[in-house]
Amino acid sequence: YYADSVKGRFTISRDNAKNTMYLQMNSLE
């Protein structure tokens, strides 16, 4: 789930095998 201000632009994901979480940020303002 996302804040309204970033919904549609940001994508959160994770790779548990790598113990890593990501935040892909597109159309930055």
PDB file of all heavy atoms in Angstrom:
ATOM      1  N   TYR A   1       0.845  -1.186   0.000  1.00  0.00           N
ATOM      2  CA  TYR A   1       0.000   0.000   0.000  1.00  0.00           C
ATOM      3  C   TYR A   1       0.886   1.242   0.000  1.00  0.00           C
ATOM      4  O   TYR A   1       2.048   1.193   0.405  1.00  0.00           O
ATOM      5  CB  TYR A   1      -0.993   0.019   1.169  1.00  0.00           C
ATOM      6  CG  TYR A   1      -0.396  -0.080   2.551  1.00  0.00           C
ATOM      7  CD1 TYR A   1      -0.206   1.050   3.344  1.00  0.00           C
ATOM      8  CD2 TYR A   1      -0.054  -1.314   3.083  1.00  0.00           C
ATOM      9  CE1 TYR A   1       0.314   0.947   4.619  1.00  0.00           C
ATOM     10  CE2 TYR A   1       0.475  -1.426   4.359  1.00  0.00           C
ATOM     11  CZ  TYR A   1       0.648  -0.288   5.125  1.00  0.00           C
ATOM     12  OH  TYR A   1       1.164  -0.397   6.404  1.00  0.00           O
ATOM     13  N   TYR A   2       0.310   2.361  -0.475  1.00  0.00           N
ATOM     14  CA  TYR A   2       1.081   3.552  -0.748  1.00  0.00           C
ATOM     15  C   TYR A   2       0.377   4.813  -0.263  1.00  0.00           C
ATOM     16  O   TYR A   2      -0.846   4.854  -0.133  1.00  0.00           O
ATOM     17  CB  TYR A   2       1.302   3.712  -2.254  1.00  0.00           C
ATOM     18  CG  TYR A   2       2.020   2.561  -2.906  1.00  0.00           C
ATOM     19  CD1 TYR A   2       1.331   1.432  -3.331  1.00  0.00           C
ATOM     20  CD2 TYR A   2       3.395   2.613  -3.102  1.00  0.00           C
ATOM     21  CE1 TYR A   2       1.989   0.379  -3.930  1.00  0.00           C
ATOM     22  CE2 TYR A   2       4.060   1.558  -3.708  1.00  0.00           C
ATOM     23  CZ  TYR A   2       3.357   0.444  -4.116  1.00  0.00           C
ATOM     24  OH  TYR A   2       4.011  -0.597  -4.713  1.00  0.00           O
ATOM     25  N   ALA A   3       1.170   5.849  -0.025  1.00  0.00           N
ATOM     26  CA  ALA A   3       0.610   7.171   0.186  1.00  0.00           C
ATOM     27  C   ALA A   3      -0.001   7.664  -1.121  1.00  0.00           C
ATOM     28  O   ALA A   3       0.497   7.362  -2.207  1.00  0.00           O
ATOM     29  CB  ALA A   3       1.685   8.139   0.661  1.00  0.00           C
ATOM     30  N   ASP A   4      -1.079   8.426  -1.020  1.00  0.00           N
ATOM     31  CA  ASP A   4      -1.738   8.939  -2.218  1.00  0.00           C
ATOM     32  C   ASP A   4      -0.788   9.760  -3.087  1.00  0.00           C
ATOM     33  O   ASP A   4      -0.904   9.759  -4.319  1.00  0.00           O
ATOM     34  CB  ASP A   4      -2.946   9.790  -1.836  1.00  0.00           C
ATOM     35  CG  ASP A   4      -4.098   8.968  -1.289  1.00  0.00           C
ATOM     36  OD1 ASP A   4      -4.133   7.749  -1.532  1.00  0.00           O
ATOM     37  OD2 ASP A   4      -4.967   9.551  -0.617  1.00  0.00           O
ATOM     38  N   SER A   5       0.145  10.443  -2.471  1.00  0.00           N
ATOM     39  CA  SER A   5       1.045  11.321  -3.196  1.00  0.00           C
ATOM     40  C   SER A   5       2.009  10.578  -4.120  1.00  0.00           C
ATOM     41  O   SER A   5       2.564  11.185  -5.041  1.00  0.00           O
ATOM     42  CB  SER A   5       1.841  12.190  -2.216  1.00  0.00           C
ATOM     43  OG  SER A   5       2.597  11.387  -1.331  1.00  0.00           O
ATOM     44  N   VAL A   6       2.218   9.287  -3.889  1.00  0.00           N
ATOM     45  CA  VAL A   6       3.168   8.526  -4.702  1.00  0.00           C
ATOM     46  C   VAL A   6       2.512   7.388  -5.459  1.00  0.00           C
ATOM     47  O   VAL A   6       3.167   6.755  -6.301  1.00  0.00           O
ATOM     48  CB  VAL A   6       4.324   7.973  -3.851  1.00  0.00           C
ATOM     49  CG1 VAL A   6       4.992   9.085  -3.057  1.00  0.00           C
ATOM     50  CG2 VAL A   6       3.838   6.867  -2.919  1.00  0.00           C
ATOM     51  N   LYS A   7       1.256   7.117  -5.203  1.00  0.00           N
ATOM     52  CA  LYS A   7       0.568   6.004  -5.853  1.00  0.00           C
ATOM     53  C   LYS A   7       0.570   6.194  -7.365  1.00  0.00           C
ATOM     54  O   LYS A   7       0.256   7.269  -7.869  1.00  0.00           O
ATOM     55  CB  LYS A   7      -0.858   5.889  -5.329  1.00  0.00           C
ATOM     56  CG  LYS A   7      -1.598   4.645  -5.795  1.00  0.00           C
ATOM     57  CD  LYS A   7      -2.960   4.523  -5.120  1.00  0.00           C
ATOM     58  CE  LYS A   7      -2.828   4.349  -3.622  1.00  0.00           C
ATOM     59  NZ  LYS A   7      -4.152   4.158  -2.964  1.00  0.00           N
ATOM     60  N   GLY A   8       0.935   5.132  -8.072  1.00  0.00           N
ATOM     61  CA  GLY A   8       1.014   5.183  -9.520  1.00  0.00           C
ATOM     62  C   GLY A   8       2.378   5.565 -10.037  1.00  0.00           C
ATOM     63  O   GLY A   8       2.664   5.371 -11.228  1.00  0.00           O
ATOM     64  N   ARG A   9       3.228   6.104  -9.166  1.00  0.00           N
ATOM     65  CA  ARG A   9       4.580   6.494  -9.555  1.00  0.00           C
ATOM     66  C   ARG A   9       5.651   5.633  -8.889  1.00  0.00           C
ATOM     67  O   ARG A   9       6.687   5.353  -9.486  1.00  0.00           O
ATOM     68  CB  ARG A   9       4.839   7.964  -9.212  1.00  0.00           C
ATOM     69  CG  ARG A   9       3.907   8.933  -9.919  1.00  0.00           C
ATOM     70  CD  ARG A   9       4.339  10.376  -9.689  1.00  0.00           C
ATOM     71  NE  ARG A   9       4.278  10.747  -8.274  1.00  0.00           N
ATOM     72  CZ  ARG A   9       5.324  11.149  -7.555  1.00  0.00           C
ATOM     73  NH1 ARG A   9       6.524  11.248  -8.118  1.00  0.00           N
ATOM     74  NH2 ARG A   9       5.174  11.481  -6.280  1.00  0.00           N
ATOM     75  N   PHE A  10       5.407   5.233  -7.648  1.00  0.00           N
ATOM     76  CA  PHE A  10       6.375   4.443  -6.885  1.00  0.00           C
ATOM     77  C   PHE A  10       5.902   3.002  -6.773  1.00  0.00           C
ATOM     78  O   PHE A  10       4.697   2.734  -6.691  1.00  0.00           O
ATOM     79  CB  PHE A  10       6.549   5.005  -5.475  1.00  0.00           C
ATOM     80  CG  PHE A  10       7.226   6.345  -5.402  1.00  0.00           C
ATOM     81  CD1 PHE A  10       7.485   7.106  -6.529  1.00  0.00           C
ATOM     82  CD2 PHE A  10       7.604   6.848  -4.163  1.00  0.00           C
ATOM     83  CE1 PHE A  10       8.104   8.341  -6.447  1.00  0.00           C
ATOM     84  CE2 PHE A  10       8.227   8.083  -4.061  1.00  0.00           C
ATOM     85  CZ  PHE A  10       8.477   8.829  -5.199  1.00  0.00           C
ATOM     86  N   THR A  11       6.846   2.071  -6.725  1.00  0.00           N
ATOM     87  CA  THR A  11       6.546   0.666  -6.540  1.00  0.00           C
ATOM     88  C   THR A  11       7.477   0.074  -5.490  1.00  0.00           C
ATOM     89  O   THR A  11       8.700   0.146  -5.629  1.00  0.00           O
ATOM     90  CB  THR A  11       6.695  -0.121  -7.849  1.00  0.00           C
ATOM     91  OG1 THR A  11       5.835   0.425  -8.854  1.00  0.00           O
ATOM     92  CG2 THR A  11       6.317  -1.587  -7.629  1.00  0.00           C
ATOM     93  N   ILE A  12       6.902  -0.520  -4.452  1.00  0.00           N
ATOM     94  CA  ILE A  12       7.685  -1.167  -3.412  1.00  0.00           C
ATOM     95  C   ILE A  12       7.763  -2.662  -3.701  1.00  0.00           C
ATOM     96  O   ILE A  12       6.798  -3.264  -4.172  1.00  0.00           O
ATOM     97  CB  ILE A  12       7.073  -0.902  -2.017  1.00  0.00           C
ATOM     98  CG1 ILE A  12       8.001  -1.395  -0.908  1.00  0.00           C
ATOM     99  CG2 ILE A  12       5.689  -1.525  -1.890  1.00  0.00           C
ATOM    100  CD1 ILE A  12       7.546  -0.979   0.492  1.00  0.00           C
ATOM    101  N   SER A  13       8.913  -3.260  -3.440  1.00  0.00           N
ATOM    102  CA  SER A  13       9.098  -4.685  -3.656  1.00  0.00           C
ATOM    103  C   SER A  13      10.156  -5.195  -2.696  1.00  0.00           C
ATOM    104  O   SER A  13      10.803  -4.418  -1.996  1.00  0.00           O
ATOM    105  CB  SER A  13       9.488  -4.971  -5.110  1.00  0.00           C
ATOM    106  OG  SER A  13      10.729  -4.371  -5.431  1.00  0.00           O
ATOM    107  N   ARG A  14      10.340  -6.510  -2.665  1.00  0.00           N
ATOM    108  CA  ARG A  14      11.355  -7.078  -1.787  1.00  0.00           C
ATOM    109  C   ARG A  14      11.874  -8.375  -2.362  1.00  0.00           C
ATOM    110  O   ARG A  14      11.187  -9.070  -3.114  1.00  0.00           O
ATOM    111  CB  ARG A  14      10.797  -7.296  -0.374  1.00  0.00           C
ATOM    112  CG  ARG A  14       9.689  -8.338  -0.289  1.00  0.00           C
ATOM    113  CD  ARG A  14       9.001  -8.282   1.079  1.00  0.00           C
ATOM    114  NE  ARG A  14       9.912  -8.564   2.168  1.00  0.00           N
ATOM    115  CZ  ARG A  14       9.669  -8.284   3.446  1.00  0.00           C
ATOM    116  NH1 ARG A  14       8.537  -7.675   3.788  1.00  0.00           N
ATOM    117  NH2 ARG A  14      10.564  -8.597   4.375  1.00  0.00           N
ATOM    118  N   ASP A  15      13.093  -8.716  -1.984  1.00  0.00           N
ATOM    119  CA  ASP A  15      13.728  -9.966  -2.346  1.00  0.00           C
ATOM    120  C   ASP A  15      14.236 -10.578  -1.050  1.00  0.00           C
ATOM    121  O   ASP A  15      15.307 -10.224  -0.562  1.00  0.00           O
ATOM    122  CB  ASP A  15      14.865  -9.739  -3.335  1.00  0.00           C
ATOM    123  CG  ASP A  15      15.454 -11.030  -3.856  1.00  0.00           C
ATOM    124  OD1 ASP A  15      15.276 -12.084  -3.215  1.00  0.00           O
ATOM    125  OD2 ASP A  15      16.104 -10.998  -4.922  1.00  0.00           O
ATOM    126  N   ASN A  16      13.455 -11.482  -0.478  1.00  0.00           N
ATOM    127  CA  ASN A  16      13.796 -12.039   0.827  1.00  0.00           C
ATOM    128  C   ASN A  16      15.075 -12.872   0.792  1.00  0.00           C
ATOM    129  O   ASN A  16      15.778 -12.970   1.798  1.00  0.00           O
ATOM    130  CB  ASN A  16      12.634 -12.877   1.358  1.00  0.00           C
ATOM    131  CG  ASN A  16      11.459 -12.022   1.773  1.00  0.00           C
ATOM    132  OD1 ASN A  16      11.588 -10.816   1.978  1.00  0.00           O
ATOM    133  ND2 ASN A  16      10.293 -12.637   1.896  1.00  0.00           N
ATOM    134  N   ALA A  17      15.377 -13.473  -0.332  1.00  0.00           N
ATOM    135  CA  ALA A  17      16.608 -14.247  -0.460  1.00  0.00           C
ATOM    136  C   ALA A  17      17.832 -13.358  -0.318  1.00  0.00           C
ATOM    137  O   ALA A  17      18.900 -13.829   0.078  1.00  0.00           O
ATOM    138  CB  ALA A  17      16.640 -14.986  -1.788  1.00  0.00           C
ATOM    139  N   LYS A  18      17.687 -12.080  -0.642  1.00  0.00           N
ATOM    140  CA  LYS A  18      18.783 -11.118  -0.535  1.00  0.00           C
ATOM    141  C   LYS A  18      18.648 -10.198   0.667  1.00  0.00           C
ATOM    142  O   LYS A  18      19.473  -9.298   0.843  1.00  0.00           O
ATOM    143  CB  LYS A  18      18.869 -10.283  -1.810  1.00  0.00           C
ATOM    144  CG  LYS A  18      19.187 -11.083  -3.064  1.00  0.00           C
ATOM    145  CD  LYS A  18      19.273 -10.170  -4.281  1.00  0.00           C
ATOM    146  CE  LYS A  18      19.623 -10.950  -5.527  1.00  0.00           C
ATOM    147  NZ  LYS A  18      19.693 -10.076  -6.724  1.00  0.00           N
ATOM    148  N   ASN A  19      17.616 -10.407   1.481  1.00  0.00           N
ATOM    149  CA  ASN A  19      17.359  -9.545   2.640  1.00  0.00           C
ATOM    150  C   ASN A  19      17.327  -8.071   2.233  1.00  0.00           C
ATOM    151  O   ASN A  19      17.896  -7.205   2.909  1.00  0.00           O
ATOM    152  CB  ASN A  19      18.410  -9.764   3.731  1.00  0.00           C
ATOM    153  CG  ASN A  19      18.246 -11.086   4.447  1.00  0.00           C
ATOM    154  OD1 ASN A  19      17.202 -11.724   4.376  1.00  0.00           O
ATOM    155  ND2 ASN A  19      19.283 -11.508   5.154  1.00  0.00           N
ATOM    156  N   THR A  20      16.655  -7.794   1.146  1.00  0.00           N
ATOM    157  CA  THR A  20      16.651  -6.447   0.585  1.00  0.00           C
ATOM    158  C   THR A  20      15.252  -6.034   0.159  1.00  0.00           C
ATOM    159  O   THR A  20      14.499  -6.830  -0.409  1.00  0.00           O
ATOM    160  CB  THR A  20      17.597  -6.351  -0.619  1.00  0.00           C
ATOM    161  OG1 THR A  20      18.916  -6.736  -0.218  1.00  0.00           O
ATOM    162  CG2 THR A  20      17.649  -4.927  -1.153  1.00  0.00           C
ATOM    163  N   MET A  21      14.914  -4.777   0.437  1.00  0.00           N
ATOM    164  CA  MET A  21      13.670  -4.169  -0.001  1.00  0.00           C
ATOM    165  C   MET A  21      14.008  -3.042  -0.965  1.00  0.00           C
ATOM    166  O   MET A  21      15.070  -2.415  -0.850  1.00  0.00           O
ATOM    167  CB  MET A  21      12.891  -3.622   1.203  1.00  0.00           C
ATOM    168  CG  MET A  21      11.605  -2.911   0.836  1.00  0.00           C
ATOM    169  SD  MET A  21      10.690  -2.316   2.295  1.00  0.00           S
ATOM    170  CE  MET A  21      11.847  -1.130   2.968  1.00  0.00           C
ATOM    171  N   TYR A  22      13.108  -2.772  -1.901  1.00  0.00           N
ATOM    172  CA  TYR A  22      13.350  -1.772  -2.924  1.00  0.00           C
ATOM    173  C   TYR A  22      12.201  -0.775  -3.007  1.00  0.00           C
ATOM    174  O   TYR A  22      11.060  -1.070  -2.645  1.00  0.00           O
ATOM    175  CB  TYR A  22      13.521  -2.431  -4.290  1.00  0.00           C
ATOM    176  CG  TYR A  22      14.583  -3.492  -4.333  1.00  0.00           C
ATOM    177  CD1 TYR A  22      14.252  -4.842  -4.198  1.00  0.00           C
ATOM    178  CD2 TYR A  22      15.921  -3.154  -4.499  1.00  0.00           C
ATOM    179  CE1 TYR A  22      15.223  -5.822  -4.231  1.00  0.00           C
ATOM    180  CE2 TYR A  22      16.898  -4.141  -4.537  1.00  0.00           C
ATOM    181  CZ  TYR A  22      16.545  -5.464  -4.402  1.00  0.00           C
ATOM    182  OH  TYR A  22      17.513  -6.433  -4.433  1.00  0.00           O
ATOM    183  N   LEU A  23      12.516   0.395  -3.509  1.00  0.00           N
ATOM    184  CA  LEU A  23      11.508   1.387  -3.845  1.00  0.00           C
ATOM    185  C   LEU A  23      11.864   1.958  -5.209  1.00  0.00           C
ATOM    186  O   LEU A  23      12.823   2.724  -5.342  1.00  0.00           O
ATOM    187  CB  LEU A  23      11.447   2.501  -2.803  1.00  0.00           C
ATOM    188  CG  LEU A  23      10.339   3.536  -3.021  1.00  0.00           C
ATOM    189  CD1 LEU A  23       8.965   2.901  -2.800  1.00  0.00           C
ATOM    190  CD2 LEU A  23      10.523   4.729  -2.093  1.00  0.00           C
ATOM    191  N   GLN A  24      11.107   1.559  -6.221  1.00  0.00           N
ATOM    192  CA  GLN A  24      11.286   2.092  -7.560  1.00  0.00           C
ATOM    193  C   GLN A  24      10.480   3.377  -7.674  1.00  0.00           C
ATOM    194  O   GLN A  24       9.265   3.361  -7.497  1.00  0.00           O
ATOM    195  CB  GLN A  24      10.819   1.081  -8.611  1.00  0.00           C
ATOM    196  CG  GLN A  24      10.922   1.575 -10.045  1.00  0.00           C
ATOM    197  CD  GLN A  24      12.352   1.788 -10.489  1.00  0.00           C
ATOM    198  OE1 GLN A  24      13.198   0.932 -10.256  1.00  0.00           O
ATOM    199  NE2 GLN A  24      12.623   2.923 -11.113  1.00  0.00           N
ATOM    200  N   MET A  25      11.148   4.475  -7.967  1.00  0.00           N
ATOM    201  CA  MET A  25      10.519   5.784  -8.019  1.00  0.00           C
ATOM    202  C   MET A  25      10.599   6.308  -9.449  1.00  0.00           C
ATOM    203  O   MET A  25      11.693   6.574  -9.959  1.00  0.00           O
ATOM    204  CB  MET A  25      11.194   6.755  -7.060  1.00  0.00           C
ATOM    205  CG  MET A  25      11.244   6.259  -5.618  1.00  0.00           C
ATOM    206  SD  MET A  25      11.929   7.489  -4.473  1.00  0.00           S
ATOM    207  CE  MET A  25      13.610   7.596  -5.110  1.00  0.00           C
ATOM    208  N   ASN A  26       9.442   6.447 -10.079  1.00  0.00           N
ATOM    209  CA  ASN A  26       9.355   6.967 -11.435  1.00  0.00           C
ATOM    210  C   ASN A  26       8.666   8.325 -11.428  1.00  0.00           C
ATOM    211  O   ASN A  26       7.971   8.684 -10.485  1.00  0.00           O
ATOM    212  CB  ASN A  26       8.584   6.001 -12.332  1.00  0.00           C
ATOM    213  CG  ASN A  26       9.256   4.659 -12.474  1.00  0.00           C
ATOM    214  OD1 ASN A  26      10.473   4.551 -12.442  1.00  0.00           O
ATOM    215  ND2 ASN A  26       8.443   3.615 -12.651  1.00  0.00           N
ATOM    216  N   SER A  27       8.849   9.064 -12.509  1.00  0.00           N
ATOM    217  CA  SER A  27       8.219  10.380 -12.666  1.00  0.00           C
ATOM    218  C   SER A  27       8.435  11.251 -11.438  1.00  0.00           C
ATOM    219  O   SER A  27       7.507  11.859 -10.900  1.00  0.00           O
ATOM    220  CB  SER A  27       6.717  10.216 -12.940  1.00  0.00           C
ATOM    221  OG  SER A  27       6.497   9.452 -14.109  1.00  0.00           O
ATOM    222  N   LEU A  28       9.663  11.328 -10.998  1.00  0.00           N
ATOM    223  CA  LEU A  28       9.988  12.076  -9.790  1.00  0.00           C
ATOM    224  C   LEU A  28       9.683  13.561  -9.950  1.00  0.00           C
ATOM    225  O   LEU A  28       9.837  14.128 -11.032  1.00  0.00           O
ATOM    226  CB  LEU A  28      11.453  11.877  -9.426  1.00  0.00           C
ATOM    227  CG  LEU A  28      11.769  10.532  -8.767  1.00  0.00           C
ATOM    228  CD1 LEU A  28      13.264  10.249  -8.812  1.00  0.00           C
ATOM    229  CD2 LEU A  28      11.254  10.518  -7.331  1.00  0.00           C
ATOM    230  N   GLU A  29       9.248  14.154  -8.863  1.00  0.00           N
ATOM    231  CA  GLU A  29       8.884  15.562  -8.811  1.00  0.00           C
ATOM    232  C   GLU A  29       9.713  16.261  -7.740  1.00  0.00           C
ATOM    233  O   GLU A  29      10.198  15.620  -6.814  1.00  0.00           O
ATOM    234  CB  GLU A  29       7.395  15.709  -8.487  1.00  0.00           C
ATOM    235  CG  GLU A  29       6.479  14.963  -9.433  1.00  0.00           C
ATOM    236  CD  GLU A  29       5.052  14.877  -8.925  1.00  0.00           C
ATOM    237  OE1 GLU A  29       4.805  15.264  -7.763  1.00  0.00           O
ATOM    238  OE2 GLU A  29       4.182  14.439  -9.695  1.00  0.00           O
TER     239      GLU A  29
END
